[in-house]
Structure formats: C-alpha cells, structure tokens
Amino acid sequence: MWRVGLAPAFARRSVTQAPIAWIPVDSPDCRRTVTLYWGADSYLSTTVQLMRTTIANWDWTTGEPQANH
C-alpha cells in the first residue's frame, strides 16, 4: 500500500527509520502554512517559551535561524 503526503522541507531533517522517498515540489503555487497555537491563559514552561520564540523567529524561507539585526 502506498501513502502520499506533503511535508515542509524542514521535516526532512527529522530522524526516522521509515522508508521514505523525498520528491521535491518546486512550484510558486505550492505552499503550506505551519501554525503554532497555545492557550492565552495556559502555563508555558521556560522550555516551551524558548521553543515558541525559536519557531516564531525562524527564517522559514532558508530553513535557518534568522540573523540577528
């Protein structure tokens, strides 16, 4: 059985044991939105706050941390 899915390029960096074939889709019309949610009144540990800041400040075009200005 074959399964097909679309995943952002940064997912390729994850370590997996699954047999996966990566086929790039390079089209200006092919986009994906990745969204991070948290409750406004939720407790966020220091680790989660750091993760949220890192994700929010990531340069998703290059797949690298944004340069400090």
PDB file of N, CA and C in Angstrom:
ATOM      1  N   MET A   1       0.844  -1.168   0.000  1.00  0.00           N
ATOM      2  CA  MET A   1       0.000   0.000   0.000  1.00  0.00           C
ATOM      3  C   MET A   1       0.897   1.243   0.000  1.00  0.00           C
ATOM      4  N   TRP A   2       0.610   2.176  -0.884  1.00  0.00           N
ATOM      5  CA  TRP A   2       1.359   3.426  -0.971  1.00  0.00           C
ATOM      6  C   TRP A   2       0.613   4.522  -0.238  1.00  0.00           C
ATOM      7  N   ARG A   3       1.347   5.362   0.409  1.00  0.00           N
ATOM      8  CA  ARG A   3       0.773   6.534   1.058  1.00  0.00           C
ATOM      9  C   ARG A   3       1.552   7.743   0.572  1.00  0.00           C
ATOM     10  N   VAL A   4       0.843   8.796   0.280  1.00  0.00           N
ATOM     11  CA  VAL A   4       1.467  10.016  -0.229  1.00  0.00           C
ATOM     12  C   VAL A   4       1.074  11.159   0.676  1.00  0.00           C
ATOM     13  N   GLY A   5       2.026  12.010   0.983  1.00  0.00           N
ATOM     14  CA  GLY A   5       1.742  13.175   1.804  1.00  0.00           C
ATOM     15  C   GLY A   5       2.672  14.312   1.421  1.00  0.00           C
ATOM     16  N   LEU A   6       2.261  15.503   1.728  1.00  0.00           N
ATOM     17  CA  LEU A   6       3.102  16.676   1.523  1.00  0.00           C
ATOM     18  C   LEU A   6       3.620  17.131   2.874  1.00  0.00           C
ATOM     19  N   ALA A   7       4.912  17.376   2.943  1.00  0.00           N
ATOM     20  CA  ALA A   7       5.534  17.824   4.192  1.00  0.00           C
ATOM     21  C   ALA A   7       6.484  18.970   3.871  1.00  0.00           C
ATOM     22  N   PRO A   8       6.596  19.947   4.767  1.00  0.00           N
ATOM     23  CA  PRO A   8       7.539  21.038   4.527  1.00  0.00           C
ATOM     24  C   PRO A   8       8.977  20.521   4.556  1.00  0.00           C
ATOM     25  N   ALA A   9       9.867  21.251   3.896  1.00  0.00           N
ATOM     26  CA  ALA A   9      11.260  20.819   3.769  1.00  0.00           C
ATOM     27  C   ALA A   9      11.926  20.571   5.118  1.00  0.00           C
ATOM     28  N   PHE A  10      11.547  21.340   6.154  1.00  0.00           N
ATOM     29  CA  PHE A  10      12.212  21.155   7.447  1.00  0.00           C
ATOM     30  C   PHE A  10      11.898  19.797   8.063  1.00  0.00           C
ATOM     31  N   ALA A  11      10.840  19.134   7.634  1.00  0.00           N
ATOM     32  CA  ALA A  11      10.512  17.806   8.154  1.00  0.00           C
ATOM     33  C   ALA A  11      11.536  16.773   7.707  1.00  0.00           C
ATOM     34  N   ARG A  12      12.232  17.050   6.631  1.00  0.00           N
ATOM     35  CA  ARG A  12      13.228  16.116   6.114  1.00  0.00           C
ATOM     36  C   ARG A  12      14.401  15.949   7.073  1.00  0.00           C
ATOM     37  N   ARG A  13      14.613  16.931   7.924  1.00  0.00           N
ATOM     38  CA  ARG A  13      15.730  16.887   8.870  1.00  0.00           C
ATOM     39  C   ARG A  13      15.473  15.964  10.051  1.00  0.00           C
ATOM     40  N   SER A  14      14.232  15.546  10.231  1.00  0.00           N
ATOM     41  CA  SER A  14      13.925  14.690  11.367  1.00  0.00           C
ATOM     42  C   SER A  14      14.497  13.297  11.145  1.00  0.00           C
ATOM     43  N   VAL A  15      14.829  12.651  12.239  1.00  0.00           N
ATOM     44  CA  VAL A  15      15.383  11.304  12.171  1.00  0.00           C
ATOM     45  C   VAL A  15      14.227  10.314  12.157  1.00  0.00           C
ATOM     46  N   THR A  16      14.221   9.463  11.170  1.00  0.00           N
ATOM     47  CA  THR A  16      13.160   8.471  11.075  1.00  0.00           C
ATOM     48  C   THR A  16      13.724   7.159  10.543  1.00  0.00           C
ATOM     49  N   GLN A  17      13.127   6.083  10.940  1.00  0.00           N
ATOM     50  CA  GLN A  17      13.529   4.763  10.453  1.00  0.00           C
ATOM     51  C   GLN A  17      12.618   4.313   9.309  1.00  0.00           C
ATOM     52  N   ALA A  18      11.574   5.078   9.036  1.00  0.00           N
ATOM     53  CA  ALA A  18      10.618   4.690   7.997  1.00  0.00           C
ATOM     54  C   ALA A  18      11.237   4.845   6.613  1.00  0.00           C
ATOM     55  N   PRO A  19      10.932   3.919   5.710  1.00  0.00           N
ATOM     56  CA  PRO A  19      11.431   4.050   4.338  1.00  0.00           C
ATOM     57  C   PRO A  19      10.629   5.129   3.604  1.00  0.00           C
ATOM     58  N   ILE A  20      11.257   6.263   3.388  1.00  0.00           N
ATOM     59  CA  ILE A  20      10.577   7.414   2.786  1.00  0.00           C
ATOM     60  C   ILE A  20      11.328   7.857   1.549  1.00  0.00           C
ATOM     61  N   ALA A  21      10.597   8.169   0.502  1.00  0.00           N
ATOM     62  CA  ALA A  21      11.182   8.757  -0.704  1.00  0.00           C
ATOM     63  C   ALA A  21      10.787  10.231  -0.729  1.00  0.00           C
ATOM     64  N   TRP A  22      11.766  11.104  -0.728  1.00  0.00           N
ATOM     65  CA  TRP A  22      11.509  12.548  -0.756  1.00  0.00           C
ATOM     66  C   TRP A  22      11.553  13.026  -2.200  1.00  0.00           C
ATOM     67  N   ILE A  23      10.481  13.626  -2.653  1.00  0.00           N
ATOM     68  CA  ILE A  23      10.411  14.179  -4.003  1.00  0.00           C
ATOM     69  C   ILE A  23      10.085  15.663  -3.862  1.00  0.00           C
ATOM     70  N   PRO A  24      11.015  16.544  -4.229  1.00  0.00           N
ATOM     71  CA  PRO A  24      10.755  17.970  -4.068  1.00  0.00           C
ATOM     72  C   PRO A  24       9.658  18.451  -5.004  1.00  0.00           C
ATOM     73  N   VAL A  25       8.830  19.335  -4.495  1.00  0.00           N
ATOM     74  CA  VAL A  25       7.805  20.003  -5.289  1.00  0.00           C
ATOM     75  C   VAL A  25       8.202  21.465  -5.320  1.00  0.00           C
ATOM     76  N   ASP A  26       8.611  21.927  -6.491  1.00  0.00           N
ATOM     77  CA  ASP A  26       9.104  23.293  -6.618  1.00  0.00           C
ATOM     78  C   ASP A  26       8.166  24.062  -7.538  1.00  0.00           C
ATOM     79  N   SER A  27       7.202  24.687  -6.933  1.00  0.00           N
ATOM     80  CA  SER A  27       6.223  25.455  -7.689  1.00  0.00           C
ATOM     81  C   SER A  27       5.808  26.661  -6.856  1.00  0.00           C
ATOM     82  N   PRO A  28       5.727  27.828  -7.463  1.00  0.00           N
ATOM     83  CA  PRO A  28       5.309  29.010  -6.691  1.00  0.00           C
ATOM     84  C   PRO A  28       3.898  28.873  -6.136  1.00  0.00           C
ATOM     85  N   ASP A  29       3.087  28.011  -6.737  1.00  0.00           N
ATOM     86  CA  ASP A  29       1.713  27.831  -6.266  1.00  0.00           C
ATOM     87  C   ASP A  29       1.587  26.793  -5.152  1.00  0.00           C
ATOM     88  N   CYS A  30       2.656  26.089  -4.850  1.00  0.00           N
ATOM     89  CA  CYS A  30       2.628  25.053  -3.819  1.00  0.00           C
ATOM     90  C   CYS A  30       3.139  25.649  -2.516  1.00  0.00           C
ATOM     91  N   ARG A  31       2.245  25.844  -1.561  1.00  0.00           N
ATOM     92  CA  ARG A  31       2.605  26.448  -0.278  1.00  0.00           C
ATOM     93  C   ARG A  31       1.966  25.661   0.849  1.00  0.00           C
ATOM     94  N   ARG A  32       2.539  25.813   2.038  1.00  0.00           N
ATOM     95  CA  ARG A  32       1.994  25.160   3.216  1.00  0.00           C
ATOM     96  C   ARG A  32       2.143  26.113   4.387  1.00  0.00           C
ATOM     97  N   THR A  33       1.128  26.194   5.193  1.00  0.00           N
ATOM     98  CA  THR A  33       1.165  27.027   6.382  1.00  0.00           C
ATOM     99  C   THR A  33       1.334  26.137   7.604  1.00  0.00           C
ATOM    100  N   VAL A  34       2.298  26.480   8.435  1.00  0.00           N
ATOM    101  CA  VAL A  34       2.511  25.771   9.688  1.00  0.00           C
ATOM    102  C   VAL A  34       2.145  26.749  10.798  1.00  0.00           C
ATOM    103  N   THR A  35       1.255  26.336  11.682  1.00  0.00           N
ATOM    104  CA  THR A  35       0.739  27.228  12.717  1.00  0.00           C
ATOM    105  C   THR A  35       1.008  26.649  14.098  1.00  0.00           C
ATOM    106  N   LEU A  36       1.378  27.500  15.018  1.00  0.00           N
ATOM    107  CA  LEU A  36       1.627  27.116  16.405  1.00  0.00           C
ATOM    108  C   LEU A  36       0.561  27.783  17.271  1.00  0.00           C
ATOM    109  N   TYR A  37      -0.148  26.993  18.045  1.00  0.00           N
ATOM    110  CA  TYR A  37      -1.212  27.506  18.915  1.00  0.00           C
ATOM    111  C   TYR A  37      -0.882  27.237  20.374  1.00  0.00           C
ATOM    112  N   TRP A  38      -1.354  28.130  21.253  1.00  0.00           N
ATOM    113  CA  TRP A  38      -1.294  27.902  22.684  1.00  0.00           C
ATOM    114  C   TRP A  38      -2.409  28.722  23.317  1.00  0.00           C
ATOM    115  N   GLY A  39      -2.897  28.273  24.451  1.00  0.00           N
ATOM    116  CA  GLY A  39      -3.964  28.966  25.143  1.00  0.00           C
ATOM    117  C   GLY A  39      -3.459  30.255  25.789  1.00  0.00           C
ATOM    118  N   ALA A  40      -4.231  31.306  25.687  1.00  0.00           N
ATOM    119  CA  ALA A  40      -3.825  32.605  26.230  1.00  0.00           C
ATOM    120  C   ALA A  40      -3.576  32.543  27.736  1.00  0.00           C
ATOM    121  N   ASP A  41      -4.329  31.710  28.436  1.00  0.00           N
ATOM    122  CA  ASP A  41      -4.184  31.601  29.891  1.00  0.00           C
ATOM    123  C   ASP A  41      -3.385  30.368  30.306  1.00  0.00           C
ATOM    124  N   SER A  42      -2.785  29.687  29.347  1.00  0.00           N
ATOM    125  CA  SER A  42      -2.054  28.458  29.645  1.00  0.00           C
ATOM    126  C   SER A  42      -0.689  28.756  30.242  1.00  0.00           C
ATOM    127  N   TYR A  43      -0.264  27.884  31.155  1.00  0.00           N
ATOM    128  CA  TYR A  43       1.084  27.967  31.701  1.00  0.00           C
ATOM    129  C   TYR A  43       2.044  27.449  30.649  1.00  0.00           C
ATOM    130  N   LEU A  44       3.103  28.201  30.376  1.00  0.00           N
ATOM    131  CA  LEU A  44       4.133  27.766  29.445  1.00  0.00           C
ATOM    132  C   LEU A  44       5.445  27.689  30.207  1.00  0.00           C
ATOM    133  N   SER A  45       6.016  26.490  30.246  1.00  0.00           N
ATOM    134  CA  SER A  45       7.298  26.318  30.921  1.00  0.00           C
ATOM    135  C   SER A  45       8.369  27.124  30.176  1.00  0.00           C
ATOM    136  N   THR A  46       9.496  27.316  30.806  1.00  0.00           N
ATOM    137  CA  THR A  46      10.602  28.043  30.181  1.00  0.00           C
ATOM    138  C   THR A  46      11.011  27.367  28.875  1.00  0.00           C
ATOM    139  N   THR A  47      11.026  26.046  28.854  1.00  0.00           N
ATOM    140  CA  THR A  47      11.398  25.305  27.652  1.00  0.00           C
ATOM    141  C   THR A  47      10.416  25.578  26.515  1.00  0.00           C
ATOM    142  N   VAL A  48       9.135  25.547  26.823  1.00  0.00           N
ATOM    143  CA  VAL A  48       8.113  25.796  25.804  1.00  0.00           C
ATOM    144  C   VAL A  48       8.185  27.247  25.319  1.00  0.00           C
ATOM    145  N   GLN A  49       8.432  28.176  26.225  1.00  0.00           N
ATOM    146  CA  GLN A  49       8.575  29.576  25.817  1.00  0.00           C
ATOM    147  C   GLN A  49       9.752  29.745  24.857  1.00  0.00           C
ATOM    148  N   LEU A  50      10.869  29.070  25.142  1.00  0.00           N
ATOM    149  CA  LEU A  50      12.038  29.128  24.268  1.00  0.00           C
ATOM    150  C   LEU A  50      11.726  28.517  22.900  1.00  0.00           C
ATOM    151  N   MET A  51      11.021  27.380  22.897  1.00  0.00           N
ATOM    152  CA  MET A  51      10.643  26.753  21.641  1.00  0.00           C
ATOM    153  C   MET A  51       9.742  27.687  20.831  1.00  0.00           C
ATOM    154  N   ARG A  52       8.760  28.304  21.481  1.00  0.00           N
ATOM    155  CA  ARG A  52       7.846  29.228  20.795  1.00  0.00           C
ATOM    156  C   ARG A  52       8.615  30.397  20.192  1.00  0.00           C
ATOM    157  N   THR A  53       9.552  30.964  20.940  1.00  0.00           N
ATOM    158  CA  THR A  53      10.350  32.084  20.448  1.00  0.00           C
ATOM    159  C   THR A  53      11.208  31.657  19.261  1.00  0.00           C
ATOM    160  N   THR A  54      11.818  30.484  19.365  1.00  0.00           N
ATOM    161  CA  THR A  54      12.654  29.973  18.274  1.00  0.00           C
ATOM    162  C   THR A  54      11.833  29.775  17.008  1.00  0.00           C
ATOM    163  N   ILE A  55      10.668  29.161  17.128  1.00  0.00           N
ATOM    164  CA  ILE A  55       9.807  28.921  15.964  1.00  0.00           C
ATOM    165  C   ILE A  55       9.325  30.238  15.372  1.00  0.00           C
ATOM    166  N   ALA A  56       8.913  31.160  16.218  1.00  0.00           N
ATOM    167  CA  ALA A  56       8.395  32.445  15.733  1.00  0.00           C
ATOM    168  C   ALA A  56       9.474  33.270  15.043  1.00  0.00           C
ATOM    169  N   ASN A  57      10.727  33.109  15.453  1.00  0.00           N
ATOM    170  CA  ASN A  57      11.818  33.894  14.882  1.00  0.00           C
ATOM    171  C   ASN A  57      12.610  33.141  13.821  1.00  0.00           C
ATOM    172  N   TRP A  58      12.121  32.005  13.384  1.00  0.00           N
ATOM    173  CA  TRP A  58      12.832  31.187  12.386  1.00  0.00           C
ATOM    174  C   TRP A  58      12.635  31.784  10.993  1.00  0.00           C
ATOM    175  N   ASP A  59      13.645  31.693  10.152  1.00  0.00           N
ATOM    176  CA  ASP A  59      13.524  32.112   8.756  1.00  0.00           C
ATOM    177  C   ASP A  59      13.083  30.899   7.952  1.00  0.00           C
ATOM    178  N   TRP A  60      11.803  30.792   7.699  1.00  0.00           N
ATOM    179  CA  TRP A  60      11.240  29.606   7.053  1.00  0.00           C
ATOM    180  C   TRP A  60      11.594  29.537   5.575  1.00  0.00           C
ATOM    181  N   THR A  61      12.078  30.624   5.006  1.00  0.00           N
ATOM    182  CA  THR A  61      12.494  30.598   3.611  1.00  0.00           C
ATOM    183  C   THR A  61      13.806  29.856   3.442  1.00  0.00           C
ATOM    184  N   THR A  62      14.751  30.116   4.348  1.00  0.00           N
ATOM    185  CA  THR A  62      16.067  29.482   4.258  1.00  0.00           C
ATOM    186  C   THR A  62      16.171  28.212   5.091  1.00  0.00           C
ATOM    187  N   GLY A  63      15.263  28.041   6.050  1.00  0.00           N
ATOM    188  CA  GLY A  63      15.346  26.895   6.954  1.00  0.00           C
ATOM    189  C   GLY A  63      16.407  27.053   8.017  1.00  0.00           C
ATOM    190  N   GLU A  64      16.778  28.293   8.283  1.00  0.00           N
ATOM    191  CA  GLU A  64      17.827  28.607   9.260  1.00  0.00           C
ATOM    192  C   GLU A  64      17.305  29.639  10.246  1.00  0.00           C
ATOM    193  N   PRO A  65      17.950  29.766  11.409  1.00  0.00           N
ATOM    194  CA  PRO A  65      17.577  30.848  12.333  1.00  0.00           C
ATOM    195  C   PRO A  65      17.776  32.198  11.664  1.00  0.00           C
ATOM    196  N   GLN A  66      16.914  33.147  12.001  1.00  0.00           N
ATOM    197  CA  GLN A  66      17.062  34.493  11.435  1.00  0.00           C
ATOM    198  C   GLN A  66      18.330  35.122  11.969  1.00  0.00           C
ATOM    199  N   ALA A  67      18.979  35.871  11.113  1.00  0.00           N
ATOM    200  CA  ALA A  67      20.174  36.612  11.540  1.00  0.00           C
ATOM    201  C   ALA A  67      19.763  37.717  12.499  1.00  0.00           C
ATOM    202  N   ASN A  68      20.542  37.918  13.551  1.00  0.00           N
ATOM    203  CA  ASN A  68      20.241  38.988  14.495  1.00  0.00           C
ATOM    204  C   ASN A  68      20.537  40.325  13.850  1.00  0.00           C
ATOM    205  N   HIS A  69      19.621  41.232  13.996  1.00  0.00           N
ATOM    206  CA  HIS A  69      19.807  42.564  13.419  1.00  0.00           C
ATOM    207  C   HIS A  69      20.258  43.538  14.465  1.00  0.00           C
TER     208      HIS A  69
END
